[in-house]
């Protein structure tokens, strides 16, 4: 089922999400719904607070662009990107690489807003699956960026918080205009 994606400034987007201690059928259904919602919105990732649920659960699927990473290791083994998608993860712990890269990001909770964001270019993330397994994933490129973006959501951090000081004025001006448009659309 496709769920409604909440838009900024809905308070749940700023929530520090609750960990999932025991996976239930409701969590499994939420994950399926989130994948459906992400795909319907042509996104590459979606975090639970974006569908108004303050839990540490997110989904990612970058299989549409298999060249978006130069490596992918899952539990220390080389892995095929397309076969690994979609990724459903809960309660993630993130280790960031030292090298950084700047690229354009958008967010389904900020329709039509994009900004240049500087982030570490490599990551190592440990997370739990809905089946109770612990997975350690290492990657770079778009997948690394997507993990960082979605994990930020789980901690109440939004991509606009990561805009450089020089870019923030323009982004905030554009965001105010978009919020007026969204309000008019909702009337």
N, C-alpha and C. Protein backbone atom coordinates (compact mmCIF):
# COMPACT_ATOMS: atom_id res chain seq x y z
N UNK A 1 0.84 -1.18 0.00
CA UNK A 1 0.00 0.00 0.00
C UNK A 1 0.89 1.25 0.00
N UNK A 2 0.57 2.18 -0.85
CA UNK A 2 1.30 3.44 -0.90
C UNK A 2 0.77 4.35 0.20
N UNK A 3 1.69 4.83 1.04
CA UNK A 3 1.33 5.72 2.13
C UNK A 3 1.61 7.17 1.74
N UNK A 4 1.01 8.08 2.47
CA UNK A 4 1.28 9.50 2.24
C UNK A 4 2.66 9.85 2.80
N UNK A 5 3.44 10.56 2.00
CA UNK A 5 4.74 11.06 2.45
C UNK A 5 4.51 12.43 3.06
N UNK A 6 4.92 12.59 4.31
CA UNK A 6 4.73 13.88 4.97
C UNK A 6 5.78 14.87 4.47
N UNK A 7 5.38 16.13 4.43
CA UNK A 7 6.26 17.19 3.95
C UNK A 7 6.73 18.06 5.12
N UNK A 8 7.89 18.61 4.94
CA UNK A 8 8.43 19.59 5.86
C UNK A 8 7.43 20.72 6.02
N UNK A 9 7.18 21.25 7.21
CA UNK A 9 7.87 21.07 8.49
C UNK A 9 7.14 20.17 9.50
N UNK A 10 6.47 19.14 9.06
CA UNK A 10 5.75 18.24 9.98
C UNK A 10 6.72 17.78 11.09
N UNK A 11 6.33 17.90 12.37
CA UNK A 11 7.26 17.63 13.48
C UNK A 11 7.90 16.24 13.49
N UNK A 12 7.23 15.21 13.00
CA UNK A 12 7.81 13.87 13.05
C UNK A 12 9.13 13.81 12.27
N UNK A 13 9.31 14.72 11.31
CA UNK A 13 10.57 14.74 10.54
C UNK A 13 11.76 15.17 11.40
N UNK A 14 11.49 15.79 12.54
CA UNK A 14 12.55 16.21 13.46
C UNK A 14 12.69 15.26 14.65
N UNK A 15 11.94 14.17 14.65
CA UNK A 15 11.95 13.24 15.78
C UNK A 15 13.20 12.37 15.77
N UNK A 16 13.74 12.12 16.95
CA UNK A 16 14.77 11.10 17.11
C UNK A 16 13.98 9.80 17.26
N UNK A 17 14.06 8.96 16.25
CA UNK A 17 13.18 7.79 16.17
C UNK A 17 13.52 6.71 17.19
N UNK A 18 12.48 6.00 17.58
CA UNK A 18 12.60 4.93 18.58
C UNK A 18 13.18 3.67 17.93
N UNK A 19 14.09 2.99 18.64
CA UNK A 19 14.59 1.72 18.11
C UNK A 19 13.49 0.67 18.11
N UNK A 20 13.62 -0.29 17.23
CA UNK A 20 12.70 -1.42 17.19
C UNK A 20 13.35 -2.54 17.99
N UNK A 21 12.69 -2.97 19.06
CA UNK A 21 13.27 -4.00 19.92
C UNK A 21 12.78 -5.39 19.57
N UNK A 22 11.58 -5.46 19.02
CA UNK A 22 11.03 -6.75 18.59
C UNK A 22 10.22 -6.51 17.32
N UNK A 23 10.60 -7.20 16.25
CA UNK A 23 9.94 -7.02 14.96
C UNK A 23 8.58 -7.72 14.98
N UNK A 24 7.56 -6.97 14.56
CA UNK A 24 6.20 -7.49 14.52
C UNK A 24 5.70 -7.53 13.07
N UNK A 25 4.54 -8.11 12.87
CA UNK A 25 3.92 -8.11 11.54
C UNK A 25 3.64 -6.69 11.07
N UNK A 26 3.33 -5.80 12.03
CA UNK A 26 3.09 -4.39 11.67
C UNK A 26 4.36 -3.75 11.09
N UNK A 27 5.52 -4.09 11.66
CA UNK A 27 6.79 -3.58 11.13
C UNK A 27 7.05 -4.12 9.73
N UNK A 28 6.78 -5.40 9.54
CA UNK A 28 6.98 -6.01 8.21
C UNK A 28 6.07 -5.34 7.18
N UNK A 29 4.80 -5.08 7.56
CA UNK A 29 3.88 -4.43 6.64
C UNK A 29 4.31 -2.99 6.36
N UNK A 30 4.79 -2.32 7.39
CA UNK A 30 5.28 -0.95 7.21
C UNK A 30 6.42 -0.95 6.19
N UNK A 31 7.35 -1.90 6.28
CA UNK A 31 8.47 -1.97 5.35
C UNK A 31 7.98 -2.19 3.92
N UNK A 32 7.04 -3.10 3.73
CA UNK A 32 6.48 -3.36 2.39
C UNK A 32 5.81 -2.09 1.86
N UNK A 33 5.02 -1.44 2.72
CA UNK A 33 4.35 -0.20 2.32
C UNK A 33 5.37 0.88 1.96
N UNK A 34 6.45 0.96 2.72
CA UNK A 34 7.47 1.97 2.45
C UNK A 34 8.17 1.73 1.12
N UNK A 35 8.42 0.47 0.78
CA UNK A 35 9.01 0.17 -0.53
C UNK A 35 8.04 0.59 -1.64
N UNK A 36 6.78 0.23 -1.49
CA UNK A 36 5.76 0.63 -2.47
C UNK A 36 5.70 2.15 -2.60
N UNK A 37 5.74 2.84 -1.47
CA UNK A 37 5.65 4.31 -1.45
C UNK A 37 6.87 4.93 -2.10
N UNK A 38 8.05 4.43 -1.76
CA UNK A 38 9.31 4.93 -2.34
C UNK A 38 9.30 4.76 -3.86
N UNK A 39 8.90 3.59 -4.32
CA UNK A 39 8.88 3.33 -5.77
C UNK A 39 7.84 4.21 -6.47
N UNK A 40 6.67 4.37 -5.87
CA UNK A 40 5.62 5.20 -6.47
C UNK A 40 6.06 6.65 -6.60
N UNK A 41 6.95 7.08 -5.68
CA UNK A 41 7.44 8.47 -5.69
C UNK A 41 8.76 8.61 -6.45
N UNK A 42 9.22 7.52 -7.07
CA UNK A 42 10.50 7.51 -7.80
C UNK A 42 11.67 7.92 -6.92
N UNK A 43 11.66 7.45 -5.67
CA UNK A 43 12.75 7.74 -4.74
C UNK A 43 13.75 6.61 -4.69
N UNK A 44 14.89 6.88 -4.05
CA UNK A 44 15.90 5.84 -3.84
C UNK A 44 15.95 5.42 -2.37
N UNK A 45 15.26 6.15 -1.51
CA UNK A 45 15.24 5.80 -0.10
C UNK A 45 14.04 6.44 0.57
N UNK A 46 13.64 5.85 1.69
CA UNK A 46 12.52 6.37 2.47
C UNK A 46 12.69 5.90 3.91
N UNK A 47 12.58 6.84 4.84
CA UNK A 47 12.68 6.53 6.26
C UNK A 47 11.29 6.60 6.89
N UNK A 48 11.08 5.81 7.94
CA UNK A 48 9.77 5.73 8.58
C UNK A 48 9.19 7.09 8.97
N UNK A 49 9.98 8.04 9.48
CA UNK A 49 9.35 9.32 9.82
C UNK A 49 8.74 10.04 8.61
N UNK A 50 9.19 9.69 7.41
CA UNK A 50 8.62 10.32 6.22
C UNK A 50 7.20 9.83 5.91
N UNK A 51 6.81 8.73 6.56
CA UNK A 51 5.42 8.28 6.47
C UNK A 51 4.77 8.38 7.86
N UNK A 52 5.29 9.34 8.66
CA UNK A 52 4.73 9.72 9.96
C UNK A 52 4.84 8.63 11.02
N UNK A 53 5.89 7.82 10.97
CA UNK A 53 6.12 6.78 11.97
C UNK A 53 7.52 7.01 12.56
N UNK A 54 7.59 7.22 13.87
CA UNK A 54 8.89 7.54 14.48
C UNK A 54 9.63 6.29 14.97
N UNK A 55 9.95 5.43 14.02
CA UNK A 55 10.72 4.20 14.30
C UNK A 55 11.99 4.19 13.47
N UNK A 56 13.01 3.50 13.96
CA UNK A 56 14.28 3.38 13.25
C UNK A 56 14.18 2.29 12.19
N UNK A 57 13.48 2.61 11.13
CA UNK A 57 13.30 1.70 10.00
C UNK A 57 13.37 2.53 8.73
N UNK A 58 14.13 2.03 7.75
CA UNK A 58 14.23 2.73 6.47
C UNK A 58 14.43 1.70 5.36
N UNK A 59 14.19 2.16 4.13
CA UNK A 59 14.37 1.31 2.95
C UNK A 59 15.17 2.08 1.91
N UNK A 60 15.95 1.33 1.13
CA UNK A 60 16.75 1.91 0.05
C UNK A 60 16.70 0.96 -1.14
N UNK A 61 16.63 1.55 -2.34
CA UNK A 61 16.75 0.76 -3.57
C UNK A 61 17.40 1.63 -4.64
N UNK A 62 18.65 1.33 -4.96
CA UNK A 62 19.37 2.05 -6.02
C UNK A 62 19.65 1.12 -7.20
N UNK A 63 18.86 0.06 -7.33
CA UNK A 63 19.10 -0.94 -8.38
C UNK A 63 18.90 -0.39 -9.77
N UNK A 64 18.21 0.75 -9.91
CA UNK A 64 18.01 1.36 -11.22
C UNK A 64 19.33 1.88 -11.80
N UNK A 65 20.36 1.99 -10.97
CA UNK A 65 21.65 2.55 -11.39
C UNK A 65 22.79 1.68 -10.86
N UNK A 66 23.01 0.50 -11.46
CA UNK A 66 24.02 -0.43 -10.91
C UNK A 66 25.44 0.14 -10.88
N UNK A 67 25.72 1.17 -11.67
CA UNK A 67 27.06 1.76 -11.68
C UNK A 67 27.22 2.86 -10.63
N UNK A 68 26.27 3.00 -9.73
CA UNK A 68 26.31 4.10 -8.76
C UNK A 68 27.27 3.84 -7.61
N UNK A 69 27.86 2.64 -7.55
CA UNK A 69 28.86 2.32 -6.53
C UNK A 69 30.04 1.66 -7.22
N UNK A 70 31.22 1.77 -6.59
CA UNK A 70 32.37 1.05 -7.13
C UNK A 70 32.61 -0.24 -6.36
N UNK A 71 32.05 -0.34 -5.16
CA UNK A 71 32.15 -1.60 -4.41
C UNK A 71 30.98 -1.73 -3.44
N UNK A 72 30.66 -2.97 -3.15
CA UNK A 72 29.64 -3.30 -2.16
C UNK A 72 30.06 -4.58 -1.48
N UNK A 73 30.27 -4.48 -0.17
CA UNK A 73 30.59 -5.67 0.62
C UNK A 73 29.52 -5.83 1.70
N UNK A 74 29.00 -7.03 1.78
CA UNK A 74 28.02 -7.36 2.81
C UNK A 74 28.61 -8.46 3.67
N UNK A 75 28.75 -8.17 4.95
CA UNK A 75 29.38 -9.10 5.91
C UNK A 75 30.75 -9.55 5.40
N UNK A 76 31.51 -8.62 4.84
CA UNK A 76 32.88 -8.89 4.41
C UNK A 76 33.02 -9.52 3.04
N UNK A 77 31.92 -9.85 2.38
CA UNK A 77 31.95 -10.50 1.07
C UNK A 77 31.51 -9.54 -0.01
N UNK A 78 32.18 -9.59 -1.17
CA UNK A 78 31.72 -8.79 -2.29
C UNK A 78 30.29 -9.19 -2.65
N UNK A 79 29.46 -8.21 -2.96
CA UNK A 79 28.05 -8.48 -3.24
C UNK A 79 27.62 -7.75 -4.51
N UNK A 80 26.59 -8.30 -5.14
CA UNK A 80 26.01 -7.70 -6.34
C UNK A 80 24.95 -6.69 -5.91
N UNK A 81 25.09 -5.47 -6.41
CA UNK A 81 24.18 -4.39 -6.01
C UNK A 81 22.72 -4.72 -6.31
N UNK A 82 22.44 -5.13 -7.53
CA UNK A 82 21.05 -5.36 -7.94
C UNK A 82 20.42 -6.47 -7.09
N UNK A 83 21.18 -7.53 -6.83
CA UNK A 83 20.65 -8.65 -6.03
C UNK A 83 20.38 -8.25 -4.58
N UNK A 84 21.12 -7.25 -4.09
CA UNK A 84 20.99 -6.83 -2.68
C UNK A 84 19.80 -5.90 -2.45
N UNK A 85 19.19 -5.41 -3.53
CA UNK A 85 18.11 -4.42 -3.41
C UNK A 85 16.74 -5.10 -3.39
N UNK A 86 15.73 -4.52 -2.76
CA UNK A 86 15.84 -3.36 -1.89
C UNK A 86 16.41 -3.76 -0.53
N UNK A 87 16.98 -2.79 0.16
CA UNK A 87 17.50 -3.01 1.51
C UNK A 87 16.50 -2.42 2.49
N UNK A 88 16.11 -3.25 3.45
CA UNK A 88 15.26 -2.82 4.56
C UNK A 88 16.15 -2.90 5.79
N UNK A 89 16.28 -1.79 6.51
CA UNK A 89 17.18 -1.83 7.67
C UNK A 89 16.56 -1.15 8.89
N UNK A 90 16.92 -1.71 10.05
CA UNK A 90 16.44 -1.14 11.32
C UNK A 90 17.63 -0.94 12.25
N UNK A 91 17.49 0.03 13.14
CA UNK A 91 18.46 0.32 14.20
C UNK A 91 19.90 0.41 13.68
N UNK A 92 20.17 1.24 12.67
CA UNK A 92 21.51 1.28 12.08
C UNK A 92 22.54 2.00 12.94
N UNK A 93 23.79 1.58 12.78
CA UNK A 93 24.96 2.25 13.37
C UNK A 93 25.90 2.53 12.21
N UNK A 94 26.33 3.77 12.08
CA UNK A 94 27.06 4.22 10.91
C UNK A 94 28.48 4.62 11.27
N UNK A 95 29.45 4.11 10.49
CA UNK A 95 30.85 4.55 10.55
C UNK A 95 31.15 5.23 9.24
N UNK A 96 31.65 6.46 9.31
CA UNK A 96 31.88 7.26 8.12
C UNK A 96 33.35 7.24 7.72
N UNK A 97 33.59 7.21 6.40
CA UNK A 97 34.94 7.32 5.88
C UNK A 97 35.44 8.74 6.00
N UNK A 98 36.73 8.94 5.79
CA UNK A 98 37.33 10.26 5.94
C UNK A 98 37.18 11.14 4.70
N UNK A 99 37.27 10.55 3.50
CA UNK A 99 37.16 11.33 2.26
C UNK A 99 35.73 11.80 2.09
N UNK A 100 35.58 13.02 1.55
CA UNK A 100 34.24 13.57 1.35
C UNK A 100 34.01 13.91 -0.12
N UNK A 101 32.74 13.95 -0.48
CA UNK A 101 32.34 14.30 -1.84
C UNK A 101 31.08 15.15 -1.75
N UNK A 102 30.93 16.06 -2.70
CA UNK A 102 29.75 16.90 -2.77
C UNK A 102 28.92 16.45 -3.96
N UNK A 103 27.61 16.30 -3.74
CA UNK A 103 26.71 15.92 -4.82
C UNK A 103 25.33 16.48 -4.51
N UNK A 104 24.48 16.47 -5.53
CA UNK A 104 23.14 16.99 -5.37
C UNK A 104 22.26 15.96 -4.68
N UNK A 105 21.46 16.43 -3.73
CA UNK A 105 20.50 15.57 -3.05
C UNK A 105 19.12 16.22 -3.09
N UNK A 106 18.14 15.36 -3.05
CA UNK A 106 16.77 15.78 -2.88
C UNK A 106 16.16 14.93 -1.78
N UNK A 107 14.90 15.15 -1.51
CA UNK A 107 14.23 14.41 -0.45
C UNK A 107 12.74 14.36 -0.75
N UNK A 108 12.14 13.20 -0.59
CA UNK A 108 10.72 13.06 -0.88
C UNK A 108 9.84 13.92 0.03
N UNK A 109 10.35 14.33 1.17
CA UNK A 109 9.60 15.21 2.07
C UNK A 109 9.78 16.69 1.72
N UNK A 110 10.60 16.96 0.70
CA UNK A 110 10.84 18.31 0.19
C UNK A 110 10.69 18.29 -1.33
N UNK A 111 9.47 18.05 -1.85
CA UNK A 111 9.32 17.95 -3.30
C UNK A 111 9.89 19.18 -4.01
N UNK A 112 10.61 18.93 -5.08
CA UNK A 112 11.15 19.98 -5.95
C UNK A 112 12.28 20.79 -5.34
N UNK A 113 12.84 20.36 -4.23
CA UNK A 113 13.98 21.06 -3.64
C UNK A 113 15.20 20.17 -3.72
N UNK A 114 16.27 20.69 -4.28
CA UNK A 114 17.52 19.96 -4.38
C UNK A 114 18.64 20.88 -3.91
N UNK A 115 19.70 20.28 -3.38
CA UNK A 115 20.83 21.08 -2.89
C UNK A 115 22.11 20.27 -2.96
N UNK A 116 23.22 20.98 -3.04
CA UNK A 116 24.54 20.35 -3.01
C UNK A 116 24.87 20.05 -1.55
N UNK A 117 25.18 18.78 -1.28
CA UNK A 117 25.47 18.33 0.09
C UNK A 117 26.82 17.62 0.11
N UNK A 118 27.66 18.01 1.06
CA UNK A 118 28.97 17.37 1.24
C UNK A 118 28.84 16.29 2.31
N UNK A 119 29.22 15.07 1.94
CA UNK A 119 29.14 13.94 2.87
C UNK A 119 30.36 13.04 2.68
N UNK A 120 30.65 12.22 3.68
CA UNK A 120 31.70 11.21 3.48
C UNK A 120 31.35 10.32 2.28
N UNK A 121 32.35 9.97 1.49
CA UNK A 121 32.10 9.21 0.25
C UNK A 121 32.04 7.70 0.48
N UNK A 122 32.52 7.23 1.63
CA UNK A 122 32.45 5.81 1.94
C UNK A 122 31.83 5.63 3.33
N UNK A 123 31.17 4.49 3.51
CA UNK A 123 30.56 4.18 4.81
C UNK A 123 30.71 2.71 5.13
N UNK A 124 30.56 2.44 6.40
CA UNK A 124 30.36 1.08 6.91
C UNK A 124 29.17 1.21 7.85
N UNK A 125 28.13 0.45 7.57
CA UNK A 125 26.92 0.53 8.38
C UNK A 125 26.56 -0.86 8.88
N UNK A 126 26.21 -0.93 10.14
CA UNK A 126 25.74 -2.18 10.74
C UNK A 126 24.28 -1.97 11.11
N UNK A 127 23.44 -2.89 10.68
CA UNK A 127 22.01 -2.76 10.93
C UNK A 127 21.41 -4.13 11.14
N UNK A 128 20.16 -4.12 11.57
CA UNK A 128 19.41 -5.36 11.76
C UNK A 128 18.41 -5.49 10.62
N UNK A 129 18.10 -6.73 10.28
CA UNK A 129 17.08 -7.00 9.28
C UNK A 129 15.77 -7.34 10.00
N UNK A 130 14.70 -7.42 9.24
CA UNK A 130 13.41 -7.80 9.83
C UNK A 130 13.42 -9.24 10.32
N UNK A 131 14.39 -10.03 9.83
CA UNK A 131 14.52 -11.43 10.26
C UNK A 131 15.43 -11.59 11.47
N UNK A 132 15.90 -10.47 12.04
CA UNK A 132 16.72 -10.54 13.24
C UNK A 132 18.20 -10.73 12.98
N UNK A 133 18.62 -10.69 11.73
CA UNK A 133 20.04 -10.82 11.43
C UNK A 133 20.73 -9.47 11.58
N UNK A 134 22.02 -9.51 11.93
CA UNK A 134 22.84 -8.30 11.94
C UNK A 134 23.69 -8.32 10.69
N UNK A 135 23.67 -7.22 9.95
CA UNK A 135 24.38 -7.11 8.68
C UNK A 135 25.36 -5.94 8.78
N UNK A 136 26.56 -6.15 8.24
CA UNK A 136 27.52 -5.06 8.09
C UNK A 136 27.73 -4.86 6.60
N UNK A 137 27.50 -3.64 6.16
CA UNK A 137 27.58 -3.31 4.74
C UNK A 137 28.59 -2.18 4.57
N UNK A 138 29.46 -2.33 3.55
CA UNK A 138 30.44 -1.30 3.22
C UNK A 138 30.25 -0.92 1.76
N UNK A 139 30.23 0.40 1.49
CA UNK A 139 30.00 0.85 0.12
C UNK A 139 30.42 2.30 -0.04
N UNK A 140 30.21 2.79 -1.28
CA UNK A 140 30.49 4.17 -1.62
C UNK A 140 29.40 4.68 -2.55
N UNK A 141 29.63 5.82 -3.17
CA UNK A 141 28.72 6.32 -4.19
C UNK A 141 27.33 6.64 -3.68
N UNK A 142 26.36 6.48 -4.58
CA UNK A 142 24.97 6.82 -4.27
C UNK A 142 24.43 6.00 -3.10
N UNK A 143 24.81 4.75 -2.99
CA UNK A 143 24.31 3.92 -1.90
C UNK A 143 24.81 4.45 -0.55
N UNK A 144 26.08 4.85 -0.48
CA UNK A 144 26.61 5.44 0.76
C UNK A 144 25.86 6.72 1.10
N UNK A 145 25.62 7.54 0.11
CA UNK A 145 24.90 8.80 0.31
C UNK A 145 23.47 8.52 0.77
N UNK A 146 22.81 7.54 0.15
CA UNK A 146 21.43 7.21 0.53
C UNK A 146 21.35 6.72 1.97
N UNK A 147 22.29 5.87 2.38
CA UNK A 147 22.30 5.40 3.77
C UNK A 147 22.45 6.59 4.72
N UNK A 148 23.38 7.49 4.43
CA UNK A 148 23.59 8.64 5.31
C UNK A 148 22.33 9.51 5.38
N UNK A 149 21.70 9.74 4.25
CA UNK A 149 20.50 10.57 4.18
C UNK A 149 19.37 9.94 5.01
N UNK A 150 19.14 8.64 4.82
CA UNK A 150 18.04 7.97 5.54
C UNK A 150 18.34 7.85 7.03
N UNK A 151 19.58 7.57 7.39
CA UNK A 151 19.93 7.48 8.81
C UNK A 151 19.82 8.85 9.47
N UNK A 152 20.16 9.91 8.73
CA UNK A 152 19.91 11.26 9.26
C UNK A 152 18.42 11.41 9.61
N UNK A 153 17.54 10.98 8.72
CA UNK A 153 16.09 11.07 9.00
C UNK A 153 15.74 10.38 10.32
N UNK A 154 16.35 9.24 10.58
CA UNK A 154 16.05 8.48 11.80
C UNK A 154 16.50 9.22 13.05
N UNK A 155 17.40 10.19 12.85
CA UNK A 155 17.91 11.00 13.97
C UNK A 155 17.36 12.42 13.97
N UNK A 156 16.33 12.68 13.15
CA UNK A 156 15.72 14.00 13.12
C UNK A 156 16.53 15.05 12.39
N UNK A 157 17.49 14.61 11.57
CA UNK A 157 18.34 15.53 10.80
C UNK A 157 17.85 15.51 9.35
N UNK A 158 17.70 16.68 8.78
CA UNK A 158 17.22 16.79 7.40
C UNK A 158 18.33 17.27 6.49
N UNK A 159 18.21 16.96 5.21
CA UNK A 159 19.30 17.32 4.30
C UNK A 159 19.52 18.82 4.23
N UNK A 160 18.50 19.62 4.49
CA UNK A 160 18.70 21.07 4.50
C UNK A 160 19.62 21.51 5.64
N UNK A 161 19.73 20.67 6.69
CA UNK A 161 20.64 20.96 7.79
C UNK A 161 22.10 20.79 7.36
N UNK A 162 22.32 20.07 6.29
CA UNK A 162 23.68 19.76 5.82
C UNK A 162 24.14 20.70 4.70
N UNK A 163 23.30 21.64 4.29
CA UNK A 163 23.68 22.58 3.24
C UNK A 163 24.79 23.49 3.79
N UNK A 164 25.76 23.81 2.95
CA UNK A 164 26.85 24.69 3.37
C UNK A 164 26.30 26.06 3.76
N UNK A 165 27.05 26.77 4.56
CA UNK A 165 26.63 28.11 4.98
C UNK A 165 26.40 28.99 3.76
N UNK A 166 27.24 28.88 2.75
CA UNK A 166 27.10 29.71 1.55
C UNK A 166 25.82 29.38 0.78
N UNK A 167 25.42 28.12 0.78
CA UNK A 167 24.24 27.71 0.03
C UNK A 167 22.93 27.81 0.80
N UNK A 168 23.02 27.98 2.12
CA UNK A 168 21.83 27.92 2.96
C UNK A 168 20.82 29.03 2.66
N UNK A 169 21.27 30.24 2.39
CA UNK A 169 20.34 31.36 2.15
C UNK A 169 19.47 31.06 0.93
N UNK A 170 20.08 30.63 -0.16
CA UNK A 170 19.32 30.32 -1.37
C UNK A 170 18.37 29.15 -1.17
N UNK A 171 18.83 28.12 -0.47
CA UNK A 171 17.98 26.95 -0.21
C UNK A 171 16.79 27.33 0.66
N UNK A 172 17.02 28.13 1.68
CA UNK A 172 15.92 28.51 2.58
C UNK A 172 14.92 29.42 1.86
N UNK A 173 15.40 30.27 0.98
CA UNK A 173 14.51 31.14 0.19
C UNK A 173 13.62 30.27 -0.70
N UNK A 174 14.24 29.31 -1.39
CA UNK A 174 13.50 28.40 -2.26
C UNK A 174 12.50 27.57 -1.45
N UNK A 175 12.92 27.12 -0.27
CA UNK A 175 12.04 26.33 0.59
C UNK A 175 10.82 27.13 1.02
N UNK A 176 10.99 28.40 1.36
CA UNK A 176 9.84 29.23 1.74
C UNK A 176 8.84 29.34 0.59
N UNK A 177 9.36 29.52 -0.63
CA UNK A 177 8.47 29.59 -1.81
C UNK A 177 7.74 28.27 -2.00
N UNK A 178 8.46 27.17 -1.87
CA UNK A 178 7.83 25.86 -2.04
C UNK A 178 6.77 25.61 -0.98
N UNK A 179 7.03 26.00 0.26
CA UNK A 179 6.05 25.81 1.32
C UNK A 179 4.76 26.58 1.02
N UNK A 180 4.88 27.76 0.44
CA UNK A 180 3.68 28.51 0.04
C UNK A 180 2.92 27.74 -1.03
N UNK A 181 3.66 27.18 -2.00
CA UNK A 181 3.01 26.39 -3.06
C UNK A 181 2.33 25.17 -2.47
N UNK A 182 3.00 24.48 -1.55
CA UNK A 182 2.42 23.29 -0.94
C UNK A 182 1.14 23.66 -0.18
N UNK A 183 1.17 24.78 0.53
CA UNK A 183 -0.01 25.21 1.29
C UNK A 183 -1.17 25.50 0.34
N UNK A 184 -0.87 26.12 -0.80
CA UNK A 184 -1.92 26.40 -1.79
C UNK A 184 -2.47 25.10 -2.38
N UNK A 185 -1.58 24.13 -2.60
CA UNK A 185 -2.00 22.84 -3.13
C UNK A 185 -2.91 22.10 -2.16
N UNK A 186 -2.66 22.29 -0.85
CA UNK A 186 -3.44 21.58 0.17
C UNK A 186 -4.81 22.21 0.40
N UNK A 187 -5.01 23.43 -0.11
CA UNK A 187 -6.29 24.11 0.12
C UNK A 187 -7.40 23.54 -0.73
